[in-house]
Amino acid sequence: MTIPAAPFTHLPADWVGRPPGPQDVADLVDLRGRHETAARGGTSGAADVAAEVTGPGAAVREHLIVRDPDDRARGWATVHDRAAGRVLVAVVVDPGLEGPVADALSTTLFDWAADAAAGLARARGLSATQLDSGAFEADPRQQAWLAAAGYSRVRTWWQMRRPVTDADSAIRVDDRVRPVRREHGGMPAEADLLAVHDVLEQAFADHFNHHEETFDEFLARLRADPGHRWDHWWLAEPRDGAPAGALVASAVLDDEGRTTGSYVDYLGVLRSARGQGLASALLDAVVGDAARRGRSSVALEVDADSPTGAADLYLSLGFVTRYVTQSWHRDLRVDET
């Protein structure tokens, strides 16, 4: 896809926008870090930025970095071709910028993201797509910019974490739960990977904003994560032996690339198998595994309005909310750009 030119009519003429390269990664890590620290008091790892901009995740993302006349990275926009009909949009504005300049930069980045997302939709042969962005609950500035760009707040998410202790290494794994099988050479069995994808697609079909993702898209996206590990995938099988639950986790890395915790990317149980304790059994598996690996925590995200009662389950198992995020959506027709 050809990246649209940045609509710099809102900014001074001496500001520059372009696609970032390897030379920009350090500045983007710093920019995102300062944004997240200001908005929620913490930050994500440097490895995630490198993976998104120049690594395996770059294939499904387009980026724009904006620099001021002193060559300081002041803004960053990303569009992620997540699935048919859904594009993830991320906009970061330097928290040190204020007033009209900050507002102008936000407008520039959101306008560019809409143009880029329209290009992704056209490439898929679509006439419309959903722009899916977000904000931290404690960041009213970002929320105001989203509203100004035509987005509406649609959901709230709890970012939860459970500390892991040495005692958790003794957690017994339910005999209905097993890791995905490994074949010769250490690669996972394709049949098990297909089963994980199938279970999750079915389990999330009735969840908020589910967009069907092909097996190849699902696999490529998860493998692009720097924390991806095949031995962090589990299946749950009731007594009849057919897979009915799945959990996909990844390693949490610090800025030095060291593993500090585990993160639950997906946990799903088929509607027909809910109420049998499979979700708890899968969570026990990932917590026990994290303890045996010497990790400090297990983290996850949960829909605060989930009708399945997932939030109550996590609370009962010792997870606590660290911070809260919001989903903001905009429906975009390609002919609007």
Protein backbone atom coordinates (compact mmCIF):
# COMPACT_ATOMS: atom_id res chain seq x y z
CA MET A 1 0.00 0.00 0.00
CA THR A 2 1.22 3.50 -0.78
CA ILE A 3 1.32 5.61 2.36
CA PRO A 4 -0.65 8.85 1.91
CA ALA A 5 1.16 12.14 2.24
CA ALA A 6 0.79 13.71 5.66
CA PRO A 7 -1.81 16.51 5.70
CA PHE A 8 0.48 19.14 7.20
CA THR A 9 -1.84 22.08 6.62
CA HIS A 10 -2.42 22.10 10.40
CA LEU A 11 1.26 22.35 11.35
CA PRO A 12 4.08 24.84 10.72
CA ALA A 13 5.83 24.35 7.39
CA ASP A 14 9.11 23.31 8.99
CA TRP A 15 7.66 20.19 10.68
CA VAL A 16 8.47 16.96 8.85
CA GLY A 17 6.54 13.70 8.62
CA ARG A 18 7.70 10.43 7.05
CA PRO A 19 7.63 6.65 7.56
CA PRO A 20 10.05 5.72 10.37
CA GLY A 21 13.06 3.46 9.88
CA PRO A 22 15.52 1.62 12.14
CA GLN A 23 17.19 4.92 13.01
CA ASP A 24 13.93 6.16 14.55
CA VAL A 25 13.21 3.23 16.88
CA ALA A 26 15.04 4.65 19.91
CA ASP A 27 13.18 7.97 19.61
CA LEU A 28 9.84 6.16 19.25
CA VAL A 29 10.57 4.03 22.33
CA ASP A 30 11.26 7.24 24.26
CA LEU A 31 8.15 8.98 22.87
CA ARG A 32 5.80 6.10 23.69
CA GLY A 33 7.44 5.68 27.09
CA ARG A 34 6.88 9.31 28.03
CA HIS A 35 3.30 9.16 26.78
CA GLU A 36 2.46 6.02 28.76
CA THR A 37 4.25 7.25 31.88
CA ALA A 38 2.25 10.49 31.79
CA ALA A 39 -1.03 8.66 31.11
CA ARG A 40 -0.80 5.62 33.38
CA GLY A 41 2.46 5.75 35.32
CA GLY A 42 4.24 2.97 33.44
CA THR A 43 5.49 1.94 30.02
CA SER A 44 5.70 -1.04 27.64
CA GLY A 45 8.89 -2.67 26.43
CA ALA A 46 11.30 -1.43 23.77
CA ALA A 47 11.13 -4.77 21.96
CA ASP A 48 7.48 -4.15 21.08
CA VAL A 49 8.31 -0.91 19.27
CA ALA A 50 11.11 -2.50 17.24
CA ALA A 51 8.87 -5.41 16.28
CA GLU A 52 6.10 -3.07 15.11
CA VAL A 53 8.29 -0.64 13.16
CA THR A 54 11.06 -2.75 11.61
CA GLY A 55 10.43 -6.34 12.73
CA PRO A 56 7.89 -9.03 11.86
CA GLY A 57 4.92 -6.88 12.88
CA ALA A 58 5.78 -4.21 10.30
CA ALA A 59 4.25 -6.22 7.45
CA VAL A 60 0.69 -5.42 8.61
CA ARG A 61 1.33 -1.89 9.88
CA GLU A 62 1.92 1.54 8.39
CA HIS A 63 3.57 4.29 10.43
CA LEU A 64 4.15 8.03 10.36
CA ILE A 65 6.67 9.84 12.57
CA VAL A 66 6.54 13.62 12.87
CA ARG A 67 9.61 15.64 13.83
CA ASP A 68 9.85 19.32 14.78
CA PRO A 69 12.42 21.79 13.35
CA ASP A 70 14.94 20.63 15.99
CA ASP A 71 14.54 17.02 14.74
CA ARG A 72 12.78 15.90 17.92
CA ALA A 73 10.22 13.12 17.51
CA ARG A 74 6.94 14.76 18.53
CA GLY A 75 4.26 12.47 17.14
CA TRP A 76 3.67 8.94 15.90
CA ALA A 77 0.68 7.35 14.18
CA THR A 78 0.18 3.67 13.37
CA VAL A 79 -2.49 1.81 11.43
CA HIS A 80 -2.60 -1.96 11.89
CA ASP A 81 -4.49 -4.11 9.38
CA ARG A 82 -5.90 -6.36 12.07
CA ALA A 83 -8.70 -8.22 10.24
CA ALA A 84 -11.23 -7.74 7.46
CA GLY A 85 -13.28 -4.70 8.39
CA ARG A 86 -11.12 -3.63 11.34
CA VAL A 87 -8.06 -1.37 11.49
CA LEU A 88 -6.31 -0.55 14.76
CA VAL A 89 -5.24 3.08 15.04
CA ALA A 90 -2.67 4.35 17.55
CA VAL A 91 -1.75 8.02 17.88
CA VAL A 92 0.93 9.29 20.24
CA VAL A 93 1.58 13.00 20.81
CA ASP A 94 4.53 14.18 22.88
CA PRO A 95 3.13 14.89 26.38
CA GLY A 96 5.47 17.88 26.53
CA LEU A 97 3.55 19.61 23.76
CA GLU A 98 0.63 21.80 24.80
CA GLY A 99 -2.02 24.09 23.39
CA PRO A 100 -2.67 24.69 19.69
CA VAL A 101 0.49 22.92 18.51
CA ALA A 102 -0.43 19.70 20.31
CA ASP A 103 -3.99 19.92 18.97
CA ALA A 104 -2.72 20.51 15.44
CA LEU A 105 -0.37 17.53 15.64
CA SER A 106 -3.18 15.30 16.88
CA THR A 107 -5.39 16.39 13.98
CA THR A 108 -2.56 15.72 11.54
CA LEU A 109 -1.96 12.21 12.87
CA PHE A 110 -5.61 11.20 13.02
CA ASP A 111 -6.22 12.55 9.49
CA TRP A 112 -3.26 10.60 8.18
CA ALA A 113 -4.45 7.46 9.97
CA ALA A 114 -7.90 7.73 8.35
CA ASP A 115 -6.32 8.05 4.89
CA ALA A 116 -4.00 5.10 5.54
CA ALA A 117 -6.85 2.96 6.91
CA ALA A 118 -8.93 3.72 3.82
CA GLY A 119 -6.03 2.46 1.72
CA LEU A 120 -5.97 -0.79 3.70
CA ALA A 121 -9.72 -1.19 3.19
CA ARG A 122 -9.38 -0.64 -0.55
CA ALA A 123 -6.64 -3.26 -0.70
CA ARG A 124 -9.08 -5.74 0.86
CA GLY A 125 -11.79 -4.74 -1.60
CA LEU A 126 -13.91 -3.11 1.13
CA SER A 127 -15.97 0.06 0.89
CA ALA A 128 -15.86 0.68 4.66
CA THR A 129 -13.87 -0.27 7.73
CA GLN A 130 -13.89 0.24 11.48
CA LEU A 131 -11.20 2.44 13.02
CA ASP A 132 -10.45 0.99 16.46
CA SER A 133 -8.37 3.21 18.75
CA GLY A 134 -8.12 3.77 22.47
CA ALA A 135 -7.08 5.84 25.42
CA PHE A 136 -6.11 5.37 29.03
CA GLU A 137 -8.97 6.22 31.39
CA ALA A 138 -6.70 8.73 33.14
CA ASP A 139 -5.86 10.56 29.89
CA PRO A 140 -8.62 13.12 29.14
CA ARG A 141 -6.43 14.86 26.56
CA GLN A 142 -6.30 11.76 24.32
CA GLN A 143 -10.03 11.21 24.83
CA ALA A 144 -10.78 14.77 23.69
CA TRP A 145 -8.67 14.28 20.57
CA LEU A 146 -10.44 11.02 19.74
CA ALA A 147 -13.82 12.72 20.04
CA ALA A 148 -12.62 15.58 17.82
CA ALA A 149 -11.48 13.01 15.21
CA GLY A 150 -14.96 11.48 15.05
CA TYR A 151 -14.49 8.52 17.40
CA SER A 152 -16.96 7.41 20.07
CA ARG A 153 -16.12 5.64 23.33
CA VAL A 154 -17.59 2.14 23.21
CA ARG A 155 -15.95 -0.05 25.87
CA THR A 156 -13.86 -0.16 29.03
CA TRP A 157 -11.11 -2.69 29.77
CA TRP A 158 -9.40 -3.67 33.01
CA GLN A 159 -5.68 -4.33 32.75
CA MET A 160 -5.15 -6.90 35.49
CA ARG A 161 -2.16 -8.64 37.03
CA ARG A 162 -1.62 -11.41 39.55
CA PRO A 163 1.67 -11.71 41.45
CA VAL A 164 3.35 -15.09 41.20
CA THR A 165 5.09 -16.68 44.19
CA ASP A 166 7.29 -19.73 44.64
CA ALA A 167 4.31 -21.54 46.17
CA ASP A 168 2.47 -21.29 42.84
CA SER A 169 4.96 -23.71 41.29
CA ALA A 170 3.13 -26.47 43.15
CA ILE A 171 -0.18 -25.77 41.38
CA ARG A 172 -1.46 -29.03 39.96
CA VAL A 173 -2.35 -28.91 36.29
CA ASP A 174 -5.85 -30.22 35.67
CA ASP A 175 -5.74 -33.44 33.66
CA ARG A 176 -8.09 -31.84 31.13
CA VAL A 177 -5.43 -29.26 30.22
CA ARG A 178 -2.34 -29.92 28.12
CA PRO A 179 0.19 -27.90 26.14
CA VAL A 180 -0.06 -28.01 22.37
CA ARG A 181 1.78 -31.06 21.09
CA ARG A 182 5.23 -30.69 19.62
CA GLU A 183 6.42 -32.51 16.53
CA HIS A 184 9.90 -33.55 15.43
CA GLY A 185 12.15 -30.50 15.46
CA GLY A 186 10.19 -28.77 18.22
CA MET A 187 7.52 -27.13 16.09
CA PRO A 188 3.93 -27.39 17.32
CA ALA A 189 1.53 -29.83 15.71
CA GLU A 190 -0.53 -28.04 13.09
CA ALA A 191 -3.66 -29.89 14.17
CA ASP A 192 -3.34 -28.39 17.64
CA LEU A 193 -2.75 -24.89 16.30
CA LEU A 194 -5.83 -25.24 14.14
CA ALA A 195 -7.75 -26.42 17.22
CA VAL A 196 -6.63 -23.37 19.22
CA HIS A 197 -7.71 -21.02 16.45
CA ASP A 198 -11.03 -22.80 15.98
CA VAL A 199 -11.84 -22.78 19.70
CA LEU A 200 -11.00 -19.10 20.08
CA GLU A 201 -12.97 -18.05 16.99
CA GLN A 202 -16.03 -19.89 18.29
CA ALA A 203 -15.57 -18.77 21.90
CA PHE A 204 -15.29 -15.09 20.96
CA ALA A 205 -17.99 -15.10 18.26
CA ASP A 206 -20.49 -13.66 20.76
CA HIS A 207 -18.04 -11.22 22.35
CA PHE A 208 -17.85 -7.47 21.84
CA ASN A 209 -16.41 -6.34 18.48
CA HIS A 210 -15.28 -9.76 17.32
CA HIS A 211 -13.98 -9.75 13.74
CA GLU A 212 -13.19 -13.12 12.21
CA GLU A 213 -9.50 -13.62 11.58
CA THR A 214 -8.12 -16.29 9.26
CA PHE A 215 -5.82 -18.94 10.66
CA ASP A 216 -2.86 -17.51 8.73
CA GLU A 217 -3.55 -13.96 9.98
CA PHE A 218 -3.92 -15.20 13.55
CA LEU A 219 -0.71 -17.20 13.47
CA ALA A 220 1.38 -14.51 11.77
CA ARG A 221 0.21 -11.81 14.18
CA LEU A 222 1.01 -13.80 17.31
CA ARG A 223 4.37 -14.98 15.99
CA ALA A 224 5.34 -11.33 15.34
CA ASP A 225 5.13 -10.60 19.09
CA PRO A 226 8.66 -10.49 20.62
CA GLY A 227 7.26 -12.45 23.58
CA HIS A 228 5.83 -15.25 21.44
CA ARG A 229 6.61 -18.74 22.78
CA TRP A 230 5.12 -21.99 21.44
CA ASP A 231 5.32 -23.55 24.91
CA HIS A 232 2.86 -20.94 26.20
CA TRP A 233 -0.11 -22.39 24.29
CA TRP A 234 -2.57 -24.74 26.02
CA LEU A 235 -5.71 -26.66 25.11
CA ALA A 236 -8.47 -27.82 27.46
CA GLU A 237 -10.32 -31.02 26.63
CA PRO A 238 -13.33 -32.27 28.60
CA ARG A 239 -13.73 -35.97 29.18
CA ASP A 240 -14.87 -36.62 25.61
CA GLY A 241 -11.47 -35.47 24.35
CA ALA A 242 -12.62 -32.75 21.94
CA PRO A 243 -10.89 -29.37 22.48
CA ALA A 244 -13.28 -26.94 24.17
CA GLY A 245 -10.93 -24.33 25.68
CA ALA A 246 -7.68 -22.65 24.71
CA LEU A 247 -5.18 -20.26 26.26
CA VAL A 248 -2.42 -18.43 24.40
CA ALA A 249 0.16 -16.61 26.50
CA SER A 250 3.42 -14.83 25.80
CA ALA A 251 6.49 -13.71 27.70
CA VAL A 252 6.62 -10.16 29.09
CA LEU A 253 9.99 -8.55 28.33
CA ASP A 254 11.67 -5.58 29.96
CA ASP A 255 13.63 -2.90 28.09
CA GLU A 256 16.72 -5.12 28.19
CA GLY A 257 14.88 -8.04 26.63
CA ARG A 258 14.76 -10.04 29.88
CA THR A 259 11.64 -12.04 30.67
CA THR A 260 9.81 -10.73 33.74
CA GLY A 261 6.32 -12.19 33.53
CA SER A 262 3.68 -13.95 31.44
CA TYR A 263 0.80 -12.33 29.58
CA VAL A 264 -2.47 -14.03 28.66
CA ASP A 265 -3.22 -12.96 25.10
CA TYR A 266 -6.30 -15.17 24.72
CA LEU A 267 -8.44 -17.33 26.96
CA GLY A 268 -11.59 -18.80 25.47
CA VAL A 269 -14.00 -21.62 26.29
CA LEU A 270 -16.77 -22.83 23.99
CA ARG A 271 -20.24 -21.81 25.09
CA SER A 272 -21.25 -25.49 25.32
CA ALA A 273 -18.42 -26.19 27.81
CA ARG A 274 -18.73 -23.15 30.08
CA GLY A 275 -19.38 -23.75 33.75
CA GLN A 276 -17.10 -26.81 33.92
CA GLY A 277 -14.06 -25.04 35.36
CA LEU A 278 -12.01 -25.10 32.14
CA ALA A 279 -11.13 -21.39 32.28
CA SER A 280 -9.87 -21.74 35.86
CA ALA A 281 -7.90 -24.83 34.89
CA LEU A 282 -6.23 -23.01 32.00
CA LEU A 283 -5.36 -20.07 34.25
CA ASP A 284 -3.87 -22.46 36.81
CA ALA A 285 -1.69 -23.85 34.03
CA VAL A 286 -0.27 -20.47 33.03
CA VAL A 287 0.24 -19.31 36.66
CA GLY A 288 1.99 -22.53 37.62
CA ASP A 289 4.14 -22.36 34.50
CA ALA A 290 5.14 -18.76 35.27
CA ALA A 291 6.11 -19.73 38.82
CA ARG A 292 8.24 -22.63 37.64
CA ARG A 293 10.00 -20.27 35.23
CA GLY A 294 10.76 -17.86 38.07
CA ARG A 295 8.55 -15.06 36.77
CA SER A 296 7.02 -12.39 38.96
CA SER A 297 3.50 -12.05 37.56
CA VAL A 298 0.79 -13.01 35.10
CA ALA A 299 -1.14 -10.19 33.39
CA LEU A 300 -4.19 -10.00 31.16
CA GLU A 301 -6.90 -7.71 29.81
CA VAL A 302 -10.61 -8.22 30.48
CA ASP A 303 -13.74 -6.56 29.16
CA ALA A 304 -15.24 -4.74 32.14
CA ASP A 305 -18.71 -5.40 30.68
CA SER A 306 -18.17 -9.01 29.65
CA PRO A 307 -21.39 -11.04 29.96
CA THR A 308 -19.40 -14.21 30.72
CA GLY A 309 -18.37 -13.13 34.23
CA ALA A 310 -14.69 -13.32 33.32
CA ALA A 311 -13.80 -10.32 35.49
CA ASP A 312 -15.27 -12.02 38.57
CA LEU A 313 -13.26 -15.16 37.83
CA TYR A 314 -10.00 -13.21 37.61
CA LEU A 315 -10.72 -11.34 40.82
CA SER A 316 -11.41 -14.62 42.61
CA LEU A 317 -8.05 -15.96 41.44
CA GLY A 318 -6.05 -13.02 42.81
CA PHE A 319 -5.87 -10.71 39.81
CA VAL A 320 -6.10 -6.99 40.55
CA THR A 321 -6.67 -4.05 38.21
CA ARG A 322 -3.54 -1.96 37.61
CA TYR A 323 -5.05 0.58 35.23
CA VAL A 324 -8.05 1.01 32.92
CA THR A 325 -8.22 1.59 29.18
CA GLN A 326 -11.01 2.57 26.80
CA SER A 327 -11.91 1.52 23.25
CA TRP A 328 -12.96 4.27 20.85
CA HIS A 329 -14.42 3.46 17.41
CA ARG A 330 -15.15 5.30 14.20
CA ASP A 331 -16.89 3.78 11.17
CA LEU A 332 -15.10 4.99 8.04
CA ARG A 333 -16.34 4.80 4.47
CA VAL A 334 -13.55 4.71 1.93
CA ASP A 335 -15.18 7.44 -0.14
CA GLU A 336 -14.94 9.82 2.84
CA THR A 337 -11.16 10.16 2.43
